[in-house]
N, C-alpha and C. Protein backbone atom coordinates (compact mmCIF):
# COMPACT_ATOMS: atom_id res chain seq x y z
N MET A 1 0.32 71.72 125.88
CA MET A 1 1.76 71.71 125.84
C MET A 1 2.23 70.33 125.43
N THR A 2 3.19 70.25 124.56
CA THR A 2 3.69 68.97 124.11
C THR A 2 5.02 68.68 124.77
N GLN A 3 5.34 67.41 124.84
CA GLN A 3 6.62 66.99 125.38
C GLN A 3 7.61 66.89 124.24
N GLY A 4 8.89 66.93 124.60
CA GLY A 4 9.94 66.78 123.61
C GLY A 4 9.98 65.36 123.07
N TYR A 5 10.93 65.11 122.18
CA TYR A 5 10.97 63.76 121.63
C TYR A 5 11.45 62.77 122.67
N LYS A 6 11.03 61.54 122.49
CA LYS A 6 11.30 60.48 123.44
C LYS A 6 12.16 59.42 122.77
N ARG A 7 13.27 59.12 123.39
CA ARG A 7 14.15 58.06 122.91
C ARG A 7 14.37 57.10 124.06
N GLN A 8 14.02 55.85 123.84
CA GLN A 8 14.12 54.87 124.91
C GLN A 8 15.57 54.46 125.13
N ASN A 9 15.88 54.22 126.40
CA ASN A 9 17.14 53.65 126.83
C ASN A 9 18.37 54.39 126.30
N GLU A 10 18.35 55.70 126.46
CA GLU A 10 19.49 56.53 126.06
C GLU A 10 20.07 57.22 127.29
N PRO A 11 21.38 57.38 127.35
CA PRO A 11 21.97 58.13 128.46
C PRO A 11 21.70 59.62 128.31
N GLY A 12 21.82 60.32 129.41
CA GLY A 12 21.63 61.76 129.40
C GLY A 12 21.66 62.30 130.80
N GLY A 13 21.03 63.45 130.98
CA GLY A 13 21.02 64.09 132.30
C GLY A 13 19.62 64.50 132.70
N ILE A 14 19.37 64.45 133.98
CA ILE A 14 18.13 64.95 134.58
C ILE A 14 18.47 66.25 135.29
N TYR A 15 17.61 67.24 135.15
CA TYR A 15 17.77 68.47 135.91
C TYR A 15 16.48 68.76 136.66
N ILE A 16 16.65 69.40 137.80
CA ILE A 16 15.51 69.85 138.59
C ILE A 16 15.73 71.34 138.83
N ILE A 17 14.81 72.14 138.30
CA ILE A 17 14.90 73.59 138.49
C ILE A 17 13.69 74.05 139.29
N ALA A 18 13.92 75.11 140.04
CA ALA A 18 12.83 75.74 140.80
C ALA A 18 12.55 77.10 140.21
N ALA A 19 11.28 77.42 140.08
CA ALA A 19 10.84 78.76 139.67
C ALA A 19 10.33 79.43 140.94
N HIS A 20 11.15 80.31 141.50
CA HIS A 20 10.84 80.90 142.80
C HIS A 20 9.85 82.05 142.67
N CYS A 21 8.77 81.91 143.39
CA CYS A 21 7.75 82.96 143.51
C CYS A 21 7.52 83.14 145.02
N PRO A 22 8.15 84.14 145.61
CA PRO A 22 8.08 84.29 147.07
C PRO A 22 6.66 84.31 147.63
N HIS A 23 5.72 84.94 146.93
CA HIS A 23 4.34 85.01 147.42
C HIS A 23 3.69 83.62 147.44
N PHE A 24 3.90 82.85 146.38
CA PHE A 24 3.36 81.49 146.30
C PHE A 24 3.97 80.63 147.40
N GLU A 25 5.29 80.71 147.57
CA GLU A 25 5.97 79.89 148.56
C GLU A 25 5.53 80.25 149.98
N ALA A 26 5.40 81.55 150.27
CA ALA A 26 4.98 81.97 151.61
C ALA A 26 3.54 81.55 151.90
N ALA A 27 2.69 81.62 150.90
CA ALA A 27 1.27 81.30 151.10
C ALA A 27 1.02 79.80 151.22
N THR A 28 1.85 78.98 150.52
CA THR A 28 1.56 77.55 150.44
C THR A 28 2.59 76.65 151.09
N GLY A 29 3.81 77.16 151.31
CA GLY A 29 4.89 76.29 151.78
C GLY A 29 5.41 75.38 150.68
N MET A 30 5.00 75.68 149.47
CA MET A 30 5.39 74.87 148.31
C MET A 30 6.20 75.73 147.34
N MET A 31 6.99 75.05 146.51
CA MET A 31 7.71 75.74 145.45
C MET A 31 7.39 75.04 144.14
N LYS A 32 7.62 75.75 143.06
CA LYS A 32 7.37 75.21 141.73
C LYS A 32 8.68 74.63 141.18
N ILE A 33 8.62 73.35 140.76
CA ILE A 33 9.81 72.74 140.17
C ILE A 33 9.47 72.11 138.83
N LYS A 34 10.49 71.96 138.04
CA LYS A 34 10.41 71.22 136.78
C LYS A 34 11.47 70.15 136.82
N ILE A 35 11.08 68.94 136.51
CA ILE A 35 12.02 67.84 136.34
C ILE A 35 12.10 67.60 134.85
N GLY A 36 13.27 67.84 134.29
CA GLY A 36 13.44 67.72 132.85
C GLY A 36 14.63 66.86 132.50
N LEU A 37 14.80 66.66 131.22
CA LEU A 37 15.90 65.81 130.75
C LEU A 37 16.59 66.44 129.57
N ALA A 38 17.79 65.97 129.35
CA ALA A 38 18.55 66.30 128.14
C ALA A 38 19.27 65.03 127.71
N TYR A 39 19.30 64.79 126.43
CA TYR A 39 20.04 63.64 125.90
C TYR A 39 21.48 64.05 125.67
N LYS A 40 22.08 64.63 126.70
CA LYS A 40 23.45 65.12 126.63
C LYS A 40 24.09 64.92 127.99
N GLY A 41 25.37 65.23 128.07
CA GLY A 41 26.11 65.14 129.32
C GLY A 41 25.88 66.36 130.20
N LYS A 42 26.81 66.58 131.12
CA LYS A 42 26.64 67.61 132.13
C LYS A 42 26.43 69.00 131.53
N ARG A 43 27.31 69.40 130.64
CA ARG A 43 27.20 70.76 130.07
C ARG A 43 25.89 70.93 129.30
N GLY A 44 25.55 69.97 128.47
CA GLY A 44 24.31 70.05 127.70
C GLY A 44 23.07 70.04 128.58
N THR A 45 23.11 69.29 129.67
CA THR A 45 21.97 69.25 130.59
C THR A 45 21.80 70.59 131.29
N LEU A 46 22.90 71.17 131.75
CA LEU A 46 22.81 72.48 132.42
C LEU A 46 22.33 73.56 131.46
N GLU A 47 22.81 73.52 130.23
CA GLU A 47 22.35 74.50 129.24
C GLU A 47 20.86 74.34 128.97
N ARG A 48 20.40 73.10 128.86
CA ARG A 48 18.98 72.84 128.62
C ARG A 48 18.14 73.36 129.79
N ALA A 49 18.58 73.12 131.00
CA ALA A 49 17.84 73.59 132.17
C ALA A 49 17.70 75.11 132.15
N MET A 50 18.76 75.80 131.81
CA MET A 50 18.73 77.26 131.87
C MET A 50 18.03 77.89 130.67
N GLU A 51 17.73 77.11 129.64
CA GLU A 51 16.93 77.62 128.52
C GLU A 51 15.55 78.08 128.98
N HIS A 52 15.09 77.55 130.08
CA HIS A 52 13.75 77.89 130.57
C HIS A 52 13.68 79.32 131.10
N LYS A 53 14.82 79.94 131.32
CA LYS A 53 14.82 81.33 131.80
C LYS A 53 14.08 82.26 130.84
N THR A 54 14.11 81.94 129.57
CA THR A 54 13.46 82.81 128.59
C THR A 54 11.95 82.64 128.57
N SER A 55 11.45 81.54 129.14
CA SER A 55 10.01 81.30 129.08
C SER A 55 9.33 81.33 130.45
N CYS A 56 10.07 81.69 131.48
CA CYS A 56 9.51 81.66 132.83
C CYS A 56 9.69 83.03 133.48
N PRO A 57 8.61 83.62 133.99
CA PRO A 57 8.72 84.95 134.60
C PRO A 57 9.37 84.94 135.99
N ASP A 58 9.46 83.78 136.63
CA ASP A 58 10.03 83.69 137.98
C ASP A 58 11.54 83.50 137.90
N ASP A 59 12.20 83.73 139.03
CA ASP A 59 13.64 83.48 139.12
C ASP A 59 13.89 81.98 139.16
N LEU A 60 14.72 81.49 138.26
CA LEU A 60 15.02 80.06 138.21
C LEU A 60 16.30 79.75 138.96
N THR A 61 16.28 78.63 139.65
CA THR A 61 17.45 78.11 140.35
C THR A 61 17.60 76.64 140.00
N LEU A 62 18.80 76.23 139.68
CA LEU A 62 19.08 74.82 139.47
C LEU A 62 19.21 74.16 140.84
N LEU A 63 18.32 73.22 141.15
CA LEU A 63 18.35 72.54 142.44
C LEU A 63 19.22 71.30 142.40
N ALA A 64 19.21 70.59 141.28
CA ALA A 64 19.99 69.36 141.16
C ALA A 64 20.11 68.99 139.69
N SER A 65 21.16 68.28 139.38
CA SER A 65 21.30 67.64 138.08
C SER A 65 22.14 66.39 138.30
N PHE A 66 21.84 65.38 137.52
CA PHE A 66 22.59 64.13 137.66
C PHE A 66 22.53 63.34 136.36
N ALA A 67 23.51 62.47 136.20
CA ALA A 67 23.63 61.65 135.01
C ALA A 67 22.76 60.41 135.12
N VAL A 68 22.31 59.93 133.97
CA VAL A 68 21.61 58.66 133.87
C VAL A 68 22.23 57.92 132.69
N ASP A 69 22.69 56.72 132.95
CA ASP A 69 23.26 55.91 131.89
C ASP A 69 22.14 55.13 131.21
N ASP A 70 22.41 54.60 130.03
CA ASP A 70 21.43 53.68 129.46
C ASP A 70 21.57 52.36 130.24
N MET A 71 20.60 51.53 130.16
CA MET A 71 20.58 50.26 130.88
C MET A 71 20.57 50.47 132.40
N THR A 72 19.94 51.56 132.86
CA THR A 72 19.82 51.88 134.27
C THR A 72 18.62 51.15 134.86
N SER A 73 18.77 50.68 136.07
CA SER A 73 17.65 50.08 136.77
C SER A 73 16.75 51.20 137.27
N ILE A 74 15.53 51.22 136.77
CA ILE A 74 14.53 52.23 137.17
C ILE A 74 13.69 51.58 138.28
N PRO A 75 13.54 52.24 139.42
CA PRO A 75 12.88 51.60 140.56
C PRO A 75 11.47 51.08 140.32
N MET A 76 10.73 51.72 139.41
CA MET A 76 9.34 51.32 139.23
C MET A 76 8.94 51.50 137.79
N PRO A 77 8.18 50.64 137.15
CA PRO A 77 7.81 49.34 137.69
C PRO A 77 9.05 48.46 137.87
N GLU A 78 8.95 47.52 138.78
CA GLU A 78 10.11 46.71 139.13
C GLU A 78 10.72 46.05 137.91
N HIS A 79 12.02 45.94 137.95
CA HIS A 79 12.83 45.29 136.92
C HIS A 79 12.80 46.04 135.60
N THR A 80 12.53 47.33 135.63
CA THR A 80 12.57 48.14 134.42
C THR A 80 14.00 48.58 134.17
N ILE A 81 14.44 48.45 132.95
CA ILE A 81 15.76 48.94 132.54
C ILE A 81 15.49 50.06 131.54
N GLY A 82 16.19 51.16 131.72
CA GLY A 82 15.96 52.27 130.82
C GLY A 82 17.07 53.29 130.87
N GLY A 83 16.77 54.44 130.37
CA GLY A 83 17.72 55.55 130.32
C GLY A 83 17.08 56.80 130.88
N VAL A 84 17.51 57.94 130.34
CA VAL A 84 17.10 59.23 130.91
C VAL A 84 15.60 59.49 130.73
N HIS A 85 15.03 59.10 129.61
CA HIS A 85 13.59 59.30 129.41
C HIS A 85 12.78 58.50 130.43
N GLU A 86 13.16 57.24 130.62
CA GLU A 86 12.45 56.39 131.57
C GLU A 86 12.61 56.91 133.00
N MET A 87 13.80 57.43 133.32
CA MET A 87 14.01 57.98 134.67
C MET A 87 13.17 59.23 134.88
N GLU A 88 13.09 60.09 133.87
CA GLU A 88 12.25 61.28 134.01
C GLU A 88 10.79 60.88 134.22
N ARG A 89 10.30 59.93 133.47
CA ARG A 89 8.91 59.46 133.61
C ARG A 89 8.68 58.91 135.01
N TYR A 90 9.65 58.14 135.52
CA TYR A 90 9.55 57.59 136.87
C TYR A 90 9.44 58.73 137.90
N LEU A 91 10.31 59.72 137.79
CA LEU A 91 10.29 60.82 138.76
C LEU A 91 8.99 61.62 138.68
N HIS A 92 8.46 61.79 137.48
CA HIS A 92 7.16 62.46 137.35
C HIS A 92 6.08 61.61 138.03
N ALA A 93 6.14 60.30 137.87
CA ALA A 93 5.16 59.41 138.51
C ALA A 93 5.26 59.49 140.03
N VAL A 94 6.48 59.64 140.55
CA VAL A 94 6.66 59.79 141.99
C VAL A 94 5.98 61.08 142.47
N MET A 95 6.16 62.17 141.73
CA MET A 95 5.53 63.44 142.12
C MET A 95 4.01 63.29 142.15
N VAL A 96 3.46 62.61 141.16
CA VAL A 96 2.01 62.38 141.10
C VAL A 96 1.57 61.49 142.25
N ALA A 97 2.36 60.46 142.57
CA ALA A 97 2.00 59.54 143.66
C ALA A 97 1.94 60.27 145.01
N TYR A 98 2.76 61.29 145.19
CA TYR A 98 2.70 62.10 146.41
C TYR A 98 1.57 63.13 146.34
N ASP A 99 0.87 63.16 145.23
CA ASP A 99 -0.26 64.08 145.03
C ASP A 99 0.17 65.54 145.02
N TRP A 100 1.40 65.78 144.52
CA TRP A 100 1.88 67.15 144.37
C TRP A 100 1.34 67.69 143.06
N ALA A 101 0.65 68.78 143.12
CA ALA A 101 -0.14 69.31 142.01
C ALA A 101 0.72 69.74 140.85
N HIS A 102 0.18 69.53 139.66
CA HIS A 102 0.77 70.12 138.45
C HIS A 102 0.49 71.62 138.49
N ILE A 103 1.47 72.39 138.10
CA ILE A 103 1.35 73.85 138.06
C ILE A 103 1.39 74.29 136.61
N GLY A 104 0.49 75.15 136.23
CA GLY A 104 0.48 75.65 134.85
C GLY A 104 -0.10 74.63 133.89
N GLN A 105 0.12 74.88 132.63
CA GLN A 105 -0.38 73.98 131.60
C GLN A 105 0.62 72.86 131.39
N GLY A 106 0.13 71.70 131.03
CA GLY A 106 1.01 70.58 130.77
C GLY A 106 1.32 69.79 132.02
N THR A 107 2.34 68.95 131.93
CA THR A 107 2.65 68.03 133.02
C THR A 107 4.08 68.17 133.52
N GLU A 108 4.75 69.25 133.18
CA GLU A 108 6.16 69.37 133.49
C GLU A 108 6.48 70.04 134.82
N TRP A 109 5.59 70.88 135.34
CA TRP A 109 5.85 71.63 136.56
C TRP A 109 5.00 71.10 137.70
N PHE A 110 5.61 71.02 138.90
CA PHE A 110 4.92 70.53 140.07
C PHE A 110 5.07 71.51 141.22
N ALA A 111 4.06 71.57 142.09
CA ALA A 111 4.17 72.29 143.37
C ALA A 111 4.58 71.24 144.40
N VAL A 112 5.76 71.43 144.99
CA VAL A 112 6.31 70.46 145.93
C VAL A 112 6.73 71.20 147.21
N PRO A 113 6.92 70.48 148.31
CA PRO A 113 7.38 71.14 149.53
C PRO A 113 8.70 71.88 149.30
N CYS A 114 8.83 73.04 149.91
CA CYS A 114 10.03 73.85 149.72
C CYS A 114 11.30 73.14 150.16
N ASP A 115 11.18 72.19 151.10
CA ASP A 115 12.36 71.47 151.57
C ASP A 115 12.53 70.10 150.91
N LEU A 116 12.00 69.95 149.71
CA LEU A 116 12.03 68.66 149.00
C LEU A 116 13.43 68.06 148.93
N LEU A 117 14.41 68.87 148.60
CA LEU A 117 15.76 68.33 148.42
C LEU A 117 16.66 68.48 149.64
N THR A 118 16.13 69.03 150.72
CA THR A 118 16.93 69.15 151.94
C THR A 118 16.39 68.29 153.07
N ASN A 119 15.20 67.77 152.94
CA ASN A 119 14.59 66.91 153.94
C ASN A 119 14.39 65.53 153.32
N GLU A 120 15.24 64.59 153.68
CA GLU A 120 15.21 63.26 153.06
C GLU A 120 13.89 62.53 153.26
N ASP A 121 13.12 62.93 154.26
CA ASP A 121 11.84 62.27 154.53
C ASP A 121 10.74 62.69 153.56
N LYS A 122 10.91 63.83 152.88
CA LYS A 122 9.86 64.33 151.98
C LYS A 122 9.67 63.43 150.76
N CYS A 123 10.78 62.97 150.19
CA CYS A 123 10.69 62.14 148.98
C CYS A 123 11.92 61.23 148.93
N PRO A 124 11.91 60.15 149.70
CA PRO A 124 13.07 59.26 149.72
C PRO A 124 13.37 58.64 148.35
N GLU A 125 12.35 58.50 147.52
CA GLU A 125 12.57 57.93 146.19
C GLU A 125 13.49 58.83 145.36
N LEU A 126 13.22 60.13 145.40
CA LEU A 126 14.06 61.08 144.66
C LEU A 126 15.47 61.09 145.23
N MET A 127 15.59 61.12 146.54
CA MET A 127 16.90 61.14 147.17
C MET A 127 17.71 59.89 146.81
N GLN A 128 17.03 58.74 146.73
CA GLN A 128 17.72 57.50 146.38
C GLN A 128 18.22 57.54 144.94
N VAL A 129 17.39 58.05 144.04
CA VAL A 129 17.81 58.15 142.64
C VAL A 129 19.04 59.05 142.50
N ILE A 130 19.02 60.19 143.17
CA ILE A 130 20.15 61.10 143.10
C ILE A 130 21.40 60.45 143.70
N ALA A 131 21.25 59.78 144.83
CA ALA A 131 22.39 59.14 145.49
C ALA A 131 22.99 58.02 144.65
N ASN A 132 22.15 57.32 143.89
CA ASN A 132 22.62 56.18 143.08
C ASN A 132 23.06 56.57 141.67
N ALA A 133 22.92 57.83 141.32
CA ALA A 133 23.27 58.27 139.96
C ALA A 133 24.78 58.12 139.74
N PRO A 134 25.16 57.73 138.53
CA PRO A 134 26.59 57.65 138.24
C PRO A 134 27.20 59.05 138.14
N ALA A 135 28.49 59.13 138.36
CA ALA A 135 29.20 60.39 138.12
C ALA A 135 29.14 60.68 136.62
N TRP A 136 29.06 61.94 136.27
CA TRP A 136 28.97 62.31 134.86
C TRP A 136 30.10 61.67 134.05
N ASP A 137 31.30 61.70 134.56
CA ASP A 137 32.45 61.18 133.82
C ASP A 137 32.52 59.67 133.80
N ASP A 138 31.66 58.99 134.55
CA ASP A 138 31.62 57.53 134.52
C ASP A 138 30.71 56.99 133.42
N VAL A 139 29.92 57.85 132.80
CA VAL A 139 29.04 57.41 131.71
C VAL A 139 29.90 57.32 130.45
N THR A 140 30.04 56.11 129.94
CA THR A 140 30.99 55.82 128.87
C THR A 140 30.80 56.70 127.65
N CYS A 141 29.58 56.90 127.21
CA CYS A 141 29.39 57.68 125.99
C CYS A 141 29.77 59.15 126.20
N PHE A 142 29.64 59.67 127.42
CA PHE A 142 30.08 61.05 127.67
C PHE A 142 31.60 61.13 127.60
N GLN A 143 32.28 60.08 128.02
CA GLN A 143 33.75 60.04 127.91
C GLN A 143 34.15 60.14 126.44
N ARG A 144 33.40 59.45 125.60
CA ARG A 144 33.73 59.39 124.18
C ARG A 144 33.24 60.61 123.42
N LEU A 145 32.02 61.08 123.71
CA LEU A 145 31.40 62.15 122.94
C LEU A 145 31.59 63.54 123.54
N GLY A 146 31.90 63.60 124.81
CA GLY A 146 31.91 64.88 125.50
C GLY A 146 30.56 65.12 126.16
N HIS A 147 30.43 66.27 126.78
CA HIS A 147 29.23 66.53 127.58
C HIS A 147 28.21 67.44 126.89
N ASN A 148 28.39 67.69 125.62
CA ASN A 148 27.42 68.56 124.93
C ASN A 148 26.98 67.98 123.59
N THR A 149 27.12 66.68 123.43
CA THR A 149 26.74 66.01 122.20
C THR A 149 25.50 65.16 122.44
N ASN A 150 24.55 65.22 121.55
CA ASN A 150 23.31 64.47 121.66
C ASN A 150 23.60 62.98 121.59
N THR A 151 23.21 62.25 122.62
CA THR A 151 23.50 60.81 122.69
C THR A 151 22.61 59.99 121.76
N THR A 152 21.52 60.56 121.28
CA THR A 152 20.60 59.78 120.44
C THR A 152 21.13 59.60 119.02
N LYS A 153 22.21 60.26 118.70
CA LYS A 153 22.77 60.16 117.35
C LYS A 153 23.75 58.99 117.21
N ARG A 154 23.99 58.25 118.30
CA ARG A 154 24.93 57.14 118.26
C ARG A 154 24.39 56.00 117.39
N THR A 155 25.30 55.35 116.69
CA THR A 155 24.92 54.18 115.90
C THR A 155 24.79 52.98 116.82
N ALA A 156 24.22 51.90 116.31
CA ALA A 156 24.10 50.67 117.11
C ALA A 156 25.49 50.17 117.51
N ALA A 157 26.46 50.29 116.63
CA ALA A 157 27.83 49.87 116.95
C ALA A 157 28.42 50.73 118.07
N GLU A 158 28.16 52.03 118.03
CA GLU A 158 28.66 52.91 119.09
C GLU A 158 28.00 52.58 120.43
N LYS A 159 26.72 52.26 120.40
CA LYS A 159 26.03 51.89 121.64
C LYS A 159 26.62 50.61 122.22
N ARG A 160 26.90 49.64 121.37
CA ARG A 160 27.52 48.40 121.85
C ARG A 160 28.90 48.69 122.44
N LYS A 161 29.66 49.55 121.78
CA LYS A 161 31.00 49.93 122.26
C LYS A 161 30.90 50.62 123.62
N ASP A 162 29.94 51.51 123.77
CA ASP A 162 29.76 52.22 125.04
C ASP A 162 29.40 51.25 126.16
N ARG A 163 28.52 50.32 125.87
CA ARG A 163 28.11 49.35 126.90
C ARG A 163 29.23 48.41 127.26
N ALA A 164 30.06 48.04 126.28
CA ALA A 164 31.19 47.15 126.53
C ALA A 164 32.28 47.86 127.33
N GLY A 165 32.32 49.19 127.28
CA GLY A 165 33.36 49.96 127.96
C GLY A 165 33.11 50.13 129.44
N ARG A 166 31.99 49.65 129.95
CA ARG A 166 31.69 49.79 131.38
C ARG A 166 32.45 48.77 132.18
N CYS A 167 32.80 49.14 133.39
CA CYS A 167 33.48 48.20 134.30
C CYS A 167 32.47 47.36 135.04
């Protein structure tokens, strides 16, 4: 399985979806999740998350979505500045650090505790990222472009304008 294209230090959205399989969850106490990204605002991120319904036999539920601005402080490695791609990579590394197994082919799906997003003790790193995420409407380029436009198409001048527009 291949990953989508990677653009460094771009704003966008992170989504976390669960593929519910009652038998798997009952037997293991784990659920299957995908942490993915979209180089778009809220609407584009939600649409991207739900595109997986056509390729997944299980019932999908959106567990969380949040905005990531460019020039975001990524917790690890320390002093990393990045955007949505770097944040997704960080969150995948956190899942691996907890030794939560990859499910299926590729590296996009993980088996995680069913209470991952309701028990703050399960993954404080994830909870901190979600708590510190900017509001969708606070991301300057989403204000300018809307929430369904690909942020990677911005020119260098537009990126400078977006960064200058922050408070």
